[in-house]
Amino acid sequence: MKSGGYDEEYLADEVYDIVRTIKDPEFPHTLEELEVVDRDLVIVKIDEKRKIVDVEITWVPTTPSCGFALNIALCLRAKLDKEFS
């Protein structure tokens, strides 16, 4: 599906390129380097009728009891808000 010249796969690639470079709050590595985010887990849906782009990012914390999980989620949201606002 296309919206404004962009399709869902293109936008999913763009979203991944934006979030993969976020630094983990605990480790001196990016979320991509730690395999916290993965391109295959970024899904974009375009609703032409409502003019909405829905982005879903499934990410995997480095440990099940990650104390920074909320911080990482907020970093993902803030970075995307900044890039797409």
PDB file of N, CA and C in Angstrom:
ATOM      1  N   MET A   1       0.851  -1.176   0.000  1.00  0.00           N
ATOM      2  CA  MET A   1       0.000   0.000   0.000  1.00  0.00           C
ATOM      3  C   MET A   1       0.899   1.242   0.000  1.00  0.00           C
ATOM      4  N   LYS A   2       0.538   2.243  -0.735  1.00  0.00           N
ATOM      5  CA  LYS A   2       1.361   3.453  -0.831  1.00  0.00           C
ATOM      6  C   LYS A   2       0.645   4.644  -0.218  1.00  0.00           C
ATOM      7  N   SER A   3       1.445   5.541   0.363  1.00  0.00           N
ATOM      8  CA  SER A   3       0.906   6.770   0.932  1.00  0.00           C
ATOM      9  C   SER A   3       1.909   7.886   0.684  1.00  0.00           C
ATOM     10  N   GLY A   4       1.491   8.885  -0.053  1.00  0.00           N
ATOM     11  CA  GLY A   4       2.376  10.014  -0.308  1.00  0.00           C
ATOM     12  C   GLY A   4       3.667   9.594  -0.994  1.00  0.00           C
ATOM     13  N   GLY A   5       3.618   8.566  -1.823  1.00  0.00           N
ATOM     14  CA  GLY A   5       4.815   8.118  -2.516  1.00  0.00           C
ATOM     15  C   GLY A   5       5.613   7.083  -1.750  1.00  0.00           C
ATOM     16  N   TYR A   6       5.215   6.726  -0.550  1.00  0.00           N
ATOM     17  CA  TYR A   6       5.930   5.748   0.258  1.00  0.00           C
ATOM     18  C   TYR A   6       5.074   4.503   0.430  1.00  0.00           C
ATOM     19  N   ASP A   7       5.719   3.350   0.463  1.00  0.00           N
ATOM     20  CA  ASP A   7       4.968   2.141   0.751  1.00  0.00           C
ATOM     21  C   ASP A   7       5.354   1.632   2.140  1.00  0.00           C
ATOM     22  N   GLU A   8       4.625   0.638   2.608  1.00  0.00           N
ATOM     23  CA  GLU A   8       4.812   0.143   3.968  1.00  0.00           C
ATOM     24  C   GLU A   8       6.213  -0.417   4.198  1.00  0.00           C
ATOM     25  N   GLU A   9       6.755  -1.141   3.230  1.00  0.00           N
ATOM     26  CA  GLU A   9       8.097  -1.721   3.392  1.00  0.00           C
ATOM     27  C   GLU A   9       9.160  -0.632   3.460  1.00  0.00           C
ATOM     28  N   TYR A  10       9.016   0.378   2.613  1.00  0.00           N
ATOM     29  CA  TYR A  10       9.966   1.496   2.638  1.00  0.00           C
ATOM     30  C   TYR A  10       9.937   2.190   4.001  1.00  0.00           C
ATOM     31  N   LEU A  11       8.727   2.467   4.497  1.00  0.00           N
ATOM     32  CA  LEU A  11       8.611   3.138   5.800  1.00  0.00           C
ATOM     33  C   LEU A  11       9.128   2.260   6.931  1.00  0.00           C
ATOM     34  N   ALA A  12       8.914   0.951   6.856  1.00  0.00           N
ATOM     35  CA  ALA A  12       9.442   0.045   7.877  1.00  0.00           C
ATOM     36  C   ALA A  12      10.974   0.079   7.874  1.00  0.00           C
ATOM     37  N   ASP A  13      11.574   0.134   6.697  1.00  0.00           N
ATOM     38  CA  ASP A  13      13.035   0.265   6.603  1.00  0.00           C
ATOM     39  C   ASP A  13      13.500   1.573   7.233  1.00  0.00           C
ATOM     40  N   GLU A  14      12.778   2.658   6.955  1.00  0.00           N
ATOM     41  CA  GLU A  14      13.131   3.966   7.514  1.00  0.00           C
ATOM     42  C   GLU A  14      13.028   3.957   9.049  1.00  0.00           C
ATOM     43  N   VAL A  15      11.948   3.383   9.563  1.00  0.00           N
ATOM     44  CA  VAL A  15      11.761   3.298  11.021  1.00  0.00           C
ATOM     45  C   VAL A  15      12.907   2.508  11.639  1.00  0.00           C
ATOM     46  N   TYR A  16      13.246   1.377  11.038  1.00  0.00           N
ATOM     47  CA  TYR A  16      14.345   0.566  11.573  1.00  0.00           C
ATOM     48  C   TYR A  16      15.658   1.345  11.549  1.00  0.00           C
ATOM     49  N   ASP A  17      15.929   2.042  10.461  1.00  0.00           N
ATOM     50  CA  ASP A  17      17.161   2.838  10.378  1.00  0.00           C
ATOM     51  C   ASP A  17      17.225   3.894  11.476  1.00  0.00           C
ATOM     52  N   ILE A  18      16.086   4.413  11.874  1.00  0.00           N
ATOM     53  CA  ILE A  18      16.046   5.437  12.932  1.00  0.00           C
ATOM     54  C   ILE A  18      16.292   4.819  14.305  1.00  0.00           C
ATOM     55  N   VAL A  19      15.616   3.716  14.613  1.00  0.00           N
ATOM     56  CA  VAL A  19      15.693   3.172  15.972  1.00  0.00           C
ATOM     57  C   VAL A  19      16.912   2.293  16.218  1.00  0.00           C
ATOM     58  N   ARG A  20      17.506   1.758  15.186  1.00  0.00           N
ATOM     59  CA  ARG A  20      18.628   0.844  15.378  1.00  0.00           C
ATOM     60  C   ARG A  20      19.855   1.518  15.992  1.00  0.00           C
ATOM     61  N   THR A  21      19.957   2.823  15.827  1.00  0.00           N
ATOM     62  CA  THR A  21      21.133   3.554  16.309  1.00  0.00           C
ATOM     63  C   THR A  21      20.996   4.063  17.744  1.00  0.00           C
ATOM     64  N   ILE A  22      19.848   3.837  18.365  1.00  0.00           N
ATOM     65  CA  ILE A  22      19.657   4.272  19.754  1.00  0.00           C
ATOM     66  C   ILE A  22      20.618   3.498  20.637  1.00  0.00           C
ATOM     67  N   LYS A  23      21.291   4.194  21.530  1.00  0.00           N
ATOM     68  CA  LYS A  23      22.229   3.562  22.462  1.00  0.00           C
ATOM     69  C   LYS A  23      21.470   2.963  23.636  1.00  0.00           C
ATOM     70  N   ASP A  24      21.858   1.768  24.029  1.00  0.00           N
ATOM     71  CA  ASP A  24      21.272   1.125  25.195  1.00  0.00           C
ATOM     72  C   ASP A  24      21.690   1.900  26.447  1.00  0.00           C
ATOM     73  N   PRO A  25      20.762   2.113  27.390  1.00  0.00           N
ATOM     74  CA  PRO A  25      21.112   2.874  28.593  1.00  0.00           C
ATOM     75  C   PRO A  25      22.107   2.162  29.513  1.00  0.00           C
ATOM     76  N   GLU A  26      22.212   0.834  29.403  1.00  0.00           N
ATOM     77  CA  GLU A  26      23.107   0.076  30.278  1.00  0.00           C
ATOM     78  C   GLU A  26      24.454  -0.235  29.654  1.00  0.00           C
ATOM     79  N   PHE A  27      24.478  -0.400  28.344  1.00  0.00           N
ATOM     80  CA  PHE A  27      25.673  -0.863  27.664  1.00  0.00           C
ATOM     81  C   PHE A  27      26.122   0.153  26.616  1.00  0.00           C
ATOM     82  N   PRO A  28      27.417   0.172  26.289  1.00  0.00           N
ATOM     83  CA  PRO A  28      27.913   1.135  25.294  1.00  0.00           C
ATOM     84  C   PRO A  28      27.713   0.635  23.856  1.00  0.00           C
ATOM     85  N   HIS A  29      26.520   0.116  23.575  1.00  0.00           N
ATOM     86  CA  HIS A  29      26.220  -0.423  22.254  1.00  0.00           C
ATOM     87  C   HIS A  29      24.860   0.079  21.799  1.00  0.00           C
ATOM     88  N   THR A  30      24.628  -0.026  20.496  1.00  0.00           N
ATOM     89  CA  THR A  30      23.318   0.355  19.961  1.00  0.00           C
ATOM     90  C   THR A  30      22.336  -0.799  20.150  1.00  0.00           C
ATOM     91  N   LEU A  31      21.059  -0.485  20.000  1.00  0.00           N
ATOM     92  CA  LEU A  31      20.034  -1.523  20.103  1.00  0.00           C
ATOM     93  C   LEU A  31      20.210  -2.575  19.011  1.00  0.00           C
ATOM     94  N   GLU A  32      20.701  -2.159  17.853  1.00  0.00           N
ATOM     95  CA  GLU A  32      20.965  -3.120  16.775  1.00  0.00           C
ATOM     96  C   GLU A  32      22.108  -4.054  17.151  1.00  0.00           C
ATOM     97  N   GLU A  33      23.195  -3.500  17.666  1.00  0.00           N
ATOM     98  CA  GLU A  33      24.353  -4.313  18.050  1.00  0.00           C
ATOM     99  C   GLU A  33      23.990  -5.339  19.118  1.00  0.00           C
ATOM    100  N   LEU A  34      23.092  -4.965  20.018  1.00  0.00           N
ATOM    101  CA  LEU A  34      22.668  -5.871  21.088  1.00  0.00           C
ATOM    102  C   LEU A  34      21.527  -6.798  20.652  1.00  0.00           C
ATOM    103  N   GLU A  35      21.092  -6.648  19.409  1.00  0.00           N
ATOM    104  CA  GLU A  35      19.987  -7.437  18.854  1.00  0.00           C
ATOM    105  C   GLU A  35      18.687  -7.250  19.640  1.00  0.00           C
ATOM    106  N   VAL A  36      18.504  -6.035  20.146  1.00  0.00           N
ATOM    107  CA  VAL A  36      17.270  -5.659  20.838  1.00  0.00           C
ATOM    108  C   VAL A  36      16.190  -5.350  19.803  1.00  0.00           C
ATOM    109  N   VAL A  37      16.588  -4.740  18.691  1.00  0.00           N
ATOM    110  CA  VAL A  37      15.661  -4.466  17.591  1.00  0.00           C
ATOM    111  C   VAL A  37      16.116  -5.250  16.369  1.00  0.00           C
ATOM    112  N   ASP A  38      15.138  -5.581  15.525  1.00  0.00           N
ATOM    113  CA  ASP A  38      15.409  -6.353  14.321  1.00  0.00           C
ATOM    114  C   ASP A  38      14.470  -5.841  13.225  1.00  0.00           C
ATOM    115  N   ARG A  39      14.967  -5.715  12.029  1.00  0.00           N
ATOM    116  CA  ARG A  39      14.145  -5.182  10.927  1.00  0.00           C
ATOM    117  C   ARG A  39      12.884  -6.008  10.713  1.00  0.00           C
ATOM    118  N   ASP A  40      12.972  -7.321  10.876  1.00  0.00           N
ATOM    119  CA  ASP A  40      11.813  -8.183  10.659  1.00  0.00           C
ATOM    120  C   ASP A  40      10.705  -7.963  11.685  1.00  0.00           C
ATOM    121  N   LEU A  41      11.015  -7.268  12.781  1.00  0.00           N
ATOM    122  CA  LEU A  41      10.023  -7.030  13.831  1.00  0.00           C
ATOM    123  C   LEU A  41       9.446  -5.617  13.787  1.00  0.00           C
ATOM    124  N   VAL A  42       9.680  -4.915  12.677  1.00  0.00           N
ATOM    125  CA  VAL A  42       9.102  -3.585  12.467  1.00  0.00           C
ATOM    126  C   VAL A  42       8.003  -3.724  11.412  1.00  0.00           C
ATOM    127  N   ILE A  43       6.776  -3.371  11.797  1.00  0.00           N
ATOM    128  CA  ILE A  43       5.636  -3.490  10.893  1.00  0.00           C
ATOM    129  C   ILE A  43       4.974  -2.119  10.745  1.00  0.00           C
ATOM    130  N   VAL A  44       4.751  -1.724   9.507  1.00  0.00           N
ATOM    131  CA  VAL A  44       4.083  -0.460   9.215  1.00  0.00           C
ATOM    132  C   VAL A  44       2.813  -0.764   8.426  1.00  0.00           C
ATOM    133  N   LYS A  45       1.719  -0.163   8.854  1.00  0.00           N
ATOM    134  CA  LYS A  45       0.436  -0.284   8.147  1.00  0.00           C
ATOM    135  C   LYS A  45      -0.033   1.123   7.808  1.00  0.00           C
ATOM    136  N   ILE A  46      -0.417   1.312   6.556  1.00  0.00           N
ATOM    137  CA  ILE A  46      -0.912   2.608   6.100  1.00  0.00           C
ATOM    138  C   ILE A  46      -2.415   2.511   5.898  1.00  0.00           C
ATOM    139  N   ASP A  47      -3.154   3.400   6.559  1.00  0.00           N
ATOM    140  CA  ASP A  47      -4.606   3.476   6.396  1.00  0.00           C
ATOM    141  C   ASP A  47      -4.892   4.742   5.590  1.00  0.00           C
ATOM    142  N   GLU A  48      -5.032   4.571   4.294  1.00  0.00           N
ATOM    143  CA  GLU A  48      -5.248   5.713   3.394  1.00  0.00           C
ATOM    144  C   GLU A  48      -6.534   6.464   3.728  1.00  0.00           C
ATOM    145  N   LYS A  49      -7.573   5.724   4.060  1.00  0.00           N
ATOM    146  CA  LYS A  49      -8.872   6.335   4.318  1.00  0.00           C
ATOM    147  C   LYS A  49      -8.813   7.283   5.513  1.00  0.00           C
ATOM    148  N   ARG A  50      -8.198   6.829   6.605  1.00  0.00           N
ATOM    149  CA  ARG A  50      -8.106   7.649   7.815  1.00  0.00           C
ATOM    150  C   ARG A  50      -6.843   8.514   7.852  1.00  0.00           C
ATOM    151  N   LYS A  51      -5.971   8.352   6.841  1.00  0.00           N
ATOM    152  CA  LYS A  51      -4.707   9.096   6.746  1.00  0.00           C
ATOM    153  C   LYS A  51      -3.841   8.877   7.993  1.00  0.00           C
ATOM    154  N   ILE A  52      -3.689   7.597   8.331  1.00  0.00           N
ATOM    155  CA  ILE A  52      -2.910   7.206   9.514  1.00  0.00           C
ATOM    156  C   ILE A  52      -1.852   6.186   9.096  1.00  0.00           C
ATOM    157  N   VAL A  53      -0.675   6.343   9.655  1.00  0.00           N
ATOM    158  CA  VAL A  53       0.371   5.343   9.508  1.00  0.00           C
ATOM    159  C   VAL A  53       0.602   4.751  10.885  1.00  0.00           C
ATOM    160  N   ASP A  54       0.400   3.452  11.009  1.00  0.00           N
ATOM    161  CA  ASP A  54       0.563   2.749  12.276  1.00  0.00           C
ATOM    162  C   ASP A  54       1.901   2.019  12.247  1.00  0.00           C
ATOM    163  N   VAL A  55       2.721   2.242  13.272  1.00  0.00           N
ATOM    164  CA  VAL A  55       4.030   1.610  13.359  1.00  0.00           C
ATOM    165  C   VAL A  55       4.047   0.705  14.588  1.00  0.00           C
ATOM    166  N   GLU A  56       4.425  -0.539  14.374  1.00  0.00           N
ATOM    167  CA  GLU A  56       4.551  -1.505  15.476  1.00  0.00           C
ATOM    168  C   GLU A  56       5.986  -2.002  15.514  1.00  0.00           C
ATOM    169  N   ILE A  57       6.636  -1.827  16.663  1.00  0.00           N
ATOM    170  CA  ILE A  57       8.003  -2.304  16.836  1.00  0.00           C
ATOM    171  C   ILE A  57       7.991  -3.312  17.972  1.00  0.00           C
ATOM    172  N   THR A  58       8.347  -4.539  17.658  1.00  0.00           N
ATOM    173  CA  THR A  58       8.534  -5.547  18.696  1.00  0.00           C
ATOM    174  C   THR A  58      10.022  -5.582  18.980  1.00  0.00           C
ATOM    175  N   TRP A  59      10.369  -5.382  20.223  1.00  0.00           N
ATOM    176  CA  TRP A  59      11.783  -5.388  20.579  1.00  0.00           C
ATOM    177  C   TRP A  59      12.004  -6.354  21.729  1.00  0.00           C
ATOM    178  N   VAL A  60      13.225  -6.846  21.842  1.00  0.00           N
ATOM    179  CA  VAL A  60      13.551  -7.885  22.809  1.00  0.00           C
ATOM    180  C   VAL A  60      14.603  -7.347  23.777  1.00  0.00           C
ATOM    181  N   PRO A  61      14.248  -7.195  25.063  1.00  0.00           N
ATOM    182  CA  PRO A  61      15.236  -6.729  26.034  1.00  0.00           C
ATOM    183  C   PRO A  61      16.428  -7.687  26.115  1.00  0.00           C
ATOM    184  N   THR A  62      17.558  -7.196  26.564  1.00  0.00           N
ATOM    185  CA  THR A  62      18.765  -8.030  26.657  1.00  0.00           C
ATOM    186  C   THR A  62      18.598  -9.140  27.690  1.00  0.00           C
ATOM    187  N   THR A  63      17.787  -8.904  28.719  1.00  0.00           N
ATOM    188  CA  THR A  63      17.474  -9.929  29.716  1.00  0.00           C
ATOM    189  C   THR A  63      15.980  -9.829  30.038  1.00  0.00           C
ATOM    190  N   PRO A  64      15.358 -10.934  30.462  1.00  0.00           N
ATOM    191  CA  PRO A  64      13.931 -10.887  30.786  1.00  0.00           C
ATOM    192  C   PRO A  64      13.582  -9.887  31.895  1.00  0.00           C
ATOM    193  N   SER A  65      14.511  -9.647  32.792  1.00  0.00           N
ATOM    194  CA  SER A  65      14.245  -8.722  33.910  1.00  0.00           C
ATOM    195  C   SER A  65      14.921  -7.372  33.702  1.00  0.00           C
ATOM    196  N   CYS A  66      15.038  -6.952  32.461  1.00  0.00           N
ATOM    197  CA  CYS A  66      15.713  -5.696  32.119  1.00  0.00           C
ATOM    198  C   CYS A  66      15.103  -4.524  32.887  1.00  0.00           C
ATOM    199  N   GLY A  67      15.915  -3.870  33.697  1.00  0.00           N
ATOM    200  CA  GLY A  67      15.462  -2.742  34.494  1.00  0.00           C
ATOM    201  C   GLY A  67      15.262  -1.470  33.683  1.00  0.00           C
ATOM    202  N   PHE A  68      15.755  -1.466  32.458  1.00  0.00           N
ATOM    203  CA  PHE A  68      15.652  -0.283  31.611  1.00  0.00           C
ATOM    204  C   PHE A  68      14.640  -0.453  30.484  1.00  0.00           C
ATOM    205  N   ALA A  69      13.780  -1.459  30.581  1.00  0.00           N
ATOM    206  CA  ALA A  69      12.817  -1.734  29.515  1.00  0.00           C
ATOM    207  C   ALA A  69      11.937  -0.519  29.220  1.00  0.00           C
ATOM    208  N   LEU A  70      11.424   0.121  30.257  1.00  0.00           N
ATOM    209  CA  LEU A  70      10.583   1.298  30.047  1.00  0.00           C
ATOM    210  C   LEU A  70      11.380   2.432  29.410  1.00  0.00           C
ATOM    211  N   ASN A  71      12.622   2.614  29.835  1.00  0.00           N
ATOM    212  CA  ASN A  71      13.466   3.659  29.249  1.00  0.00           C
ATOM    213  C   ASN A  71      13.693   3.414  27.757  1.00  0.00           C
ATOM    214  N   ILE A  72      13.928   2.156  27.393  1.00  0.00           N
ATOM    215  CA  ILE A  72      14.147   1.824  25.987  1.00  0.00           C
ATOM    216  C   ILE A  72      12.878   2.105  25.183  1.00  0.00           C
ATOM    217  N   ALA A  73      11.732   1.694  25.720  1.00  0.00           N
ATOM    218  CA  ALA A  73      10.459   1.949  25.030  1.00  0.00           C
ATOM    219  C   ALA A  73      10.237   3.448  24.831  1.00  0.00           C
ATOM    220  N   LEU A  74      10.531   4.228  25.841  1.00  0.00           N
ATOM    221  CA  LEU A  74      10.379   5.680  25.739  1.00  0.00           C
ATOM    222  C   LEU A  74      11.369   6.282  24.745  1.00  0.00           C
ATOM    223  N   CYS A  75      12.577   5.741  24.691  1.00  0.00           N
ATOM    224  CA  CYS A  75      13.568   6.212  23.711  1.00  0.00           C
ATOM    225  C   CYS A  75      13.090   5.935  22.287  1.00  0.00           C
ATOM    226  N   LEU A  76      12.526   4.744  22.073  1.00  0.00           N
ATOM    227  CA  LEU A  76      11.989   4.410  20.748  1.00  0.00           C
ATOM    228  C   LEU A  76      10.904   5.399  20.361  1.00  0.00           C
ATOM    229  N   ARG A  77       9.980   5.636  21.272  1.00  0.00           N
ATOM    230  CA  ARG A  77       8.860   6.543  20.999  1.00  0.00           C
ATOM    231  C   ARG A  77       9.340   7.971  20.753  1.00  0.00           C
ATOM    232  N   ALA A  78      10.238   8.452  21.610  1.00  0.00           N
ATOM    233  CA  ALA A  78      10.720   9.826  21.499  1.00  0.00           C
ATOM    234  C   ALA A  78      11.493  10.043  20.188  1.00  0.00           C
ATOM    235  N   LYS A  79      12.324   9.096  19.828  1.00  0.00           N
ATOM    236  CA  LYS A  79      13.110   9.253  18.605  1.00  0.00           C
ATOM    237  C   LYS A  79      12.195   9.258  17.374  1.00  0.00           C
ATOM    238  N   LEU A  80      11.200   8.391  17.355  1.00  0.00           N
ATOM    239  CA  LEU A  80      10.270   8.385  16.215  1.00  0.00           C
ATOM    240  C   LEU A  80       9.414   9.642  16.181  1.00  0.00           C
ATOM    241  N   ASP A  81       8.957  10.100  17.360  1.00  0.00           N
ATOM    242  CA  ASP A  81       8.205  11.346  17.406  1.00  0.00           C
ATOM    243  C   ASP A  81       9.033  12.508  16.847  1.00  0.00           C
ATOM    244  N   LYS A  82      10.284  12.550  17.231  1.00  0.00           N
ATOM    245  CA  LYS A  82      11.170  13.630  16.771  1.00  0.00           C
ATOM    246  C   LYS A  82      11.386  13.570  15.258  1.00  0.00           C
ATOM    247  N   GLU A  83      11.592  12.384  14.737  1.00  0.00           N
ATOM    248  CA  GLU A  83      11.875  12.218  13.308  1.00  0.00           C
ATOM    249  C   GLU A  83      10.655  12.460  12.427  1.00  0.00           C
ATOM    250  N   PHE A  84       9.456  12.099  12.917  1.00  0.00           N
ATOM    251  CA  PHE A  84       8.269  12.163  12.072  1.00  0.00           C
ATOM    252  C   PHE A  84       7.312  13.301  12.420  1.00  0.00           C
ATOM    253  N   SER A  85       7.707  14.167  13.338  1.00  0.00           N
ATOM    254  CA  SER A  85       6.830  15.291  13.688  1.00  0.00           C
ATOM    255  C   SER A  85       7.042  16.472  12.768  1.00  0.00           C
TER     256      SER A  85
END
